[in-house]
Amino acid sequence: MTQPSAPVVWLQPAAPPKPAEGAPCNGCGLCCLAEPCPLGVLVSRRRRGACAALRWDEDAKRYLCGVVADPVSVTGWQQPWALRALAALARRWIAAGVGCDAQLQAQPAEPPEP
C-alpha cells in the first residue's frame, strides 16, 4: 500500500524558515499556504489549499494575513468599524502573538529526475 503524499506548497524563496512550535510567528506562510484558518475559509471560499487572503510583503520578506494587514483589499468593505472588527477577529483566529501552532515541516523540493 502506498503512503498518501504530503501536500506540496510553494513558498517564496526569501520567506523565513518556519519557527518551532510555540515560537513567535515570523511570517513564513507555511500554515496559510497549506490550508486556510476558519476566517480564511470564509474569505477564500475553500477549505483546502492556500488561503486567498495570504499576502507576500516584498519589503519585509514575509507573508502577512491580508484580513489583518489590508482588509479592504481582501473584502472590499469600506466601513471602518467593520474593518476593525474583522481585523480583530482575524488576529484572534490566527492566534496572532500567541505562537506558531502549525505541525507542518517545510522541505526543499527534490530536483526533477534527469
Protein backbone atom coordinates (compact mmCIF):
# COMPACT_ATOMS: atom_id res chain seq x y z
CA MET A 1 0.00 0.00 0.00
CA THR A 2 1.38 3.43 -0.89
CA GLN A 3 1.55 6.27 1.58
CA PRO A 4 -0.59 9.31 0.78
CA SER A 5 1.62 12.09 -0.49
CA ALA A 6 2.10 15.18 1.62
CA PRO A 7 0.61 18.38 0.26
CA VAL A 8 3.01 20.50 -1.74
CA VAL A 9 3.06 24.25 -1.24
CA TRP A 10 5.39 26.70 -2.94
CA LEU A 11 6.98 29.29 -0.69
CA GLN A 12 8.64 32.50 -1.73
CA PRO A 13 12.39 31.77 -1.79
CA ALA A 14 13.02 34.72 0.55
CA ALA A 15 10.40 33.56 3.10
CA PRO A 16 11.80 33.00 6.58
CA PRO A 17 12.09 29.39 7.79
CA LYS A 18 9.19 28.01 9.81
CA PRO A 19 9.65 28.73 13.50
CA ALA A 20 9.48 26.00 16.12
CA GLU A 21 6.04 25.27 17.55
CA GLY A 22 5.26 27.83 20.25
CA ALA A 23 7.79 30.34 18.93
CA PRO A 24 6.50 33.71 17.68
CA CYS A 25 5.17 33.80 14.13
CA ASN A 26 7.75 35.10 11.69
CA GLY A 27 5.58 35.21 8.57
CA CYS A 28 6.88 32.03 6.95
CA GLY A 29 3.40 31.46 5.46
CA LEU A 30 3.53 27.69 5.60
CA CYS A 31 0.33 27.27 7.64
CA CYS A 32 -1.76 29.58 5.44
CA LEU A 33 -0.39 28.08 2.24
CA ALA A 34 -1.32 24.60 3.47
CA GLU A 35 -4.91 25.47 4.46
CA PRO A 36 -6.97 28.49 5.47
CA CYS A 37 -7.95 29.25 9.07
CA PRO A 38 -11.68 29.46 9.87
CA LEU A 39 -11.87 33.08 8.69
CA GLY A 40 -9.75 32.20 5.67
CA VAL A 41 -12.32 29.55 4.75
CA LEU A 42 -14.95 32.29 4.53
CA VAL A 43 -12.67 34.70 2.66
CA SER A 44 -11.23 32.08 0.31
CA ARG A 45 -14.49 30.14 -0.10
CA ARG A 46 -12.48 26.94 0.20
CA ARG A 47 -11.46 24.53 2.93
CA ARG A 48 -8.31 23.21 1.31
CA GLY A 49 -5.33 24.80 -0.32
CA ALA A 50 -3.78 28.21 0.13
CA CYS A 51 -5.76 30.98 1.76
CA ALA A 52 -6.77 33.67 -0.72
CA ALA A 53 -6.12 36.34 1.91
CA LEU A 54 -2.43 35.49 2.26
CA ARG A 55 -0.21 38.31 1.02
CA TRP A 56 3.53 38.39 0.33
CA ASP A 57 5.24 41.55 1.62
CA GLU A 58 8.25 42.04 -0.62
CA ASP A 59 9.77 44.78 1.56
CA ALA A 60 9.51 42.77 4.80
CA LYS A 61 10.27 39.44 3.05
CA ARG A 62 7.43 37.70 4.87
CA TYR A 63 3.84 36.61 4.44
CA LEU A 64 1.00 38.58 6.04
CA CYS A 65 -2.66 37.86 6.64
CA GLY A 66 -4.47 40.21 4.29
CA VAL A 67 -7.50 40.31 6.57
CA VAL A 68 -5.26 41.82 9.27
CA ALA A 69 -2.86 43.86 7.11
CA ASP A 70 -5.21 45.14 4.40
CA PRO A 71 -8.82 44.05 4.94
CA VAL A 72 -10.13 46.47 2.30
CA SER A 73 -8.28 44.64 -0.48
CA VAL A 74 -9.49 41.26 0.77
CA THR A 75 -13.14 42.12 1.42
CA GLY A 76 -13.85 45.31 -0.48
CA TRP A 77 -15.59 46.64 2.62
CA GLN A 78 -15.25 50.36 3.32
CA GLN A 79 -16.85 50.76 6.78
CA PRO A 80 -14.04 51.45 9.31
CA TRP A 81 -15.91 49.82 12.21
CA ALA A 82 -16.44 46.61 10.21
CA LEU A 83 -12.81 46.53 9.08
CA ARG A 84 -11.56 46.97 12.66
CA ALA A 85 -13.86 44.20 13.88
CA LEU A 86 -12.83 41.87 11.06
CA ALA A 87 -9.11 42.51 11.65
CA ALA A 88 -9.56 41.84 15.38
CA LEU A 89 -11.40 38.60 14.64
CA ALA A 90 -8.67 37.58 12.20
CA ARG A 91 -5.92 38.26 14.77
CA ARG A 92 -7.76 36.01 17.21
CA TRP A 93 -8.38 33.20 14.71
CA ILE A 94 -4.78 33.15 13.51
CA ALA A 95 -3.60 33.36 17.14
CA ALA A 96 -1.55 36.47 16.40
CA GLY A 97 1.02 36.96 19.14
CA VAL A 98 0.39 33.54 20.68
CA GLY A 99 2.98 31.47 18.83
CA CYS A 100 3.27 29.03 15.96
CA ASP A 101 0.85 26.12 16.19
CA ALA A 102 1.47 24.63 12.76
CA GLN A 103 2.51 21.00 12.97
CA LEU A 104 3.99 21.20 9.49
CA GLN A 105 7.53 20.87 8.25
CA ALA A 106 8.96 22.52 5.18
CA GLN A 107 11.26 20.50 2.96
CA PRO A 108 13.05 21.71 -0.13
CA ALA A 109 11.71 20.43 -3.39
CA GLU A 110 13.54 17.49 -4.84
CA PRO A 111 15.13 18.21 -8.19
CA PRO A 112 13.42 16.50 -11.13
CA GLU A 113 14.85 13.19 -12.32
CA PRO A 114 17.20 13.61 -15.32
